[in-house]
Amino acid sequence: MLQINPVYEPQVCQGPGSESLATEWVAFRRCADMDPNVFFPNDGAGVIVAQKVCALCPVADACREYALANNITHGVWGGTSERQRRRILRDRRRASKAARAA
């Protein structure tokens, strides 16, 4: 029996006041047949390995945006580490705050 890792089968998520996030990109991900552990490394060298896979993925941007929109805090998604995604979110919040203040 095939077991599916739920991390790699994202659900369509709906937040208050937002449209559902399309997950059609999942069908085109490069990591589909790879060991999920590659994308949940324990060290920086493992992150680099995962990022190399993502660098060649045609849907890396959609994957990264999915992780950002759903506050996924673990693993490499769309070529970004947990730390990189935290920075992206922080920078987006700052830019949004600055735009509202202007």
Protein backbone atom coordinates (compact mmCIF):
# COMPACT_ATOMS: atom_id res chain seq x y z
CA MET A 1 0.00 0.00 0.00
CA LEU A 2 1.34 3.42 -0.95
CA GLN A 3 1.60 5.78 1.98
CA ILE A 4 1.43 9.47 1.22
CA ASN A 5 3.33 11.92 3.34
CA PRO A 6 0.76 14.60 4.24
CA VAL A 7 3.43 17.29 4.01
CA TYR A 8 3.63 16.73 0.28
CA GLU A 9 -0.09 16.54 -0.33
CA PRO A 10 -1.19 20.03 0.69
CA GLN A 11 -4.85 20.73 1.11
CA VAL A 12 -6.61 23.73 -0.33
CA CYS A 13 -6.59 26.13 2.60
CA GLN A 14 -9.02 28.92 3.22
CA GLY A 15 -8.45 31.75 5.59
CA PRO A 16 -10.93 34.34 6.76
CA GLY A 17 -11.65 36.74 3.94
CA SER A 18 -9.25 35.06 1.53
CA GLU A 19 -9.77 32.98 -1.55
CA SER A 20 -8.64 29.38 -1.45
CA LEU A 21 -5.03 28.72 -2.34
CA ALA A 22 -4.65 26.80 -5.58
CA THR A 23 -2.52 23.70 -5.23
CA GLU A 24 -2.45 22.54 -8.84
CA TRP A 25 1.31 23.13 -8.76
CA VAL A 26 1.69 20.02 -6.59
CA ALA A 27 1.33 17.81 -9.66
CA PHE A 28 4.43 19.38 -11.22
CA ARG A 29 6.79 19.39 -8.25
CA ARG A 30 10.25 17.94 -8.76
CA CYS A 31 10.28 16.34 -5.33
CA ALA A 32 7.29 14.08 -5.93
CA ASP A 33 9.31 10.86 -6.07
CA MET A 34 12.00 11.85 -3.61
CA ASP A 35 12.46 10.90 0.02
CA PRO A 36 10.69 13.62 2.05
CA ASN A 37 13.52 13.52 4.59
CA VAL A 38 15.67 15.36 2.04
CA PHE A 39 13.47 18.41 2.59
CA PHE A 40 13.57 18.23 6.38
CA PRO A 41 17.32 18.27 6.99
CA ASN A 42 19.07 18.41 10.32
CA ASP A 43 21.93 20.63 9.22
CA GLY A 44 22.97 23.37 6.83
CA ALA A 45 24.53 20.92 4.39
CA GLY A 46 21.17 19.16 4.11
CA VAL A 47 19.45 22.47 3.42
CA ILE A 48 21.85 23.07 0.53
CA VAL A 49 21.06 19.65 -0.94
CA ALA A 50 17.32 20.33 -0.79
CA GLN A 51 17.78 23.81 -2.25
CA LYS A 52 19.64 22.32 -5.22
CA VAL A 53 16.64 20.12 -5.96
CA CYS A 54 14.30 23.10 -5.66
CA ALA A 55 16.51 25.24 -7.91
CA LEU A 56 15.52 23.06 -10.86
CA CYS A 57 11.85 22.77 -9.92
CA PRO A 58 9.35 24.44 -12.24
CA VAL A 59 6.96 25.21 -9.37
CA ALA A 60 9.38 26.37 -6.68
CA ASP A 61 7.79 29.83 -6.49
CA ALA A 62 4.31 28.39 -5.93
CA CYS A 63 5.71 25.96 -3.35
CA ARG A 64 7.43 28.77 -1.44
CA GLU A 65 4.30 30.93 -1.53
CA TYR A 66 2.22 28.01 -0.27
CA ALA A 67 4.58 27.59 2.69
CA LEU A 68 4.51 31.32 3.41
CA ALA A 69 0.72 31.59 3.17
CA ASN A 70 0.23 28.60 5.45
CA ASN A 71 2.94 29.51 7.98
CA ILE A 72 4.80 26.27 7.45
CA THR A 73 7.73 26.56 9.80
CA HIS A 74 9.68 23.37 9.10
CA GLY A 75 11.61 22.10 6.13
CA VAL A 76 12.75 23.48 2.81
CA TRP A 77 9.90 24.71 0.63
CA GLY A 78 10.38 26.32 -2.76
CA GLY A 79 14.10 26.47 -2.15
CA THR A 80 13.80 28.43 1.08
CA SER A 81 14.80 27.37 4.56
CA GLU A 82 12.79 28.10 7.67
CA ARG A 83 15.00 31.10 8.42
CA GLN A 84 14.68 32.48 4.91
CA ARG A 85 10.89 32.23 5.03
CA ARG A 86 10.81 34.05 8.38
CA ARG A 87 12.86 36.85 6.80
CA ILE A 88 10.57 37.03 3.78
CA LEU A 89 7.50 37.31 6.01
CA ARG A 90 9.17 39.93 8.20
CA ASP A 91 10.21 41.97 5.16
CA ARG A 92 6.71 41.74 3.69
CA ARG A 93 5.16 42.91 6.97
CA ARG A 94 7.56 45.85 7.12
CA ALA A 95 6.86 46.79 3.51
CA SER A 96 3.13 46.58 4.11
CA LYS A 97 3.39 48.72 7.24
CA ALA A 98 5.52 51.29 5.38
CA ALA A 99 3.04 51.39 2.48
CA ARG A 100 0.13 52.00 4.85
CA ALA A 101 2.06 54.78 6.62
CA ALA A 102 2.88 56.54 3.34
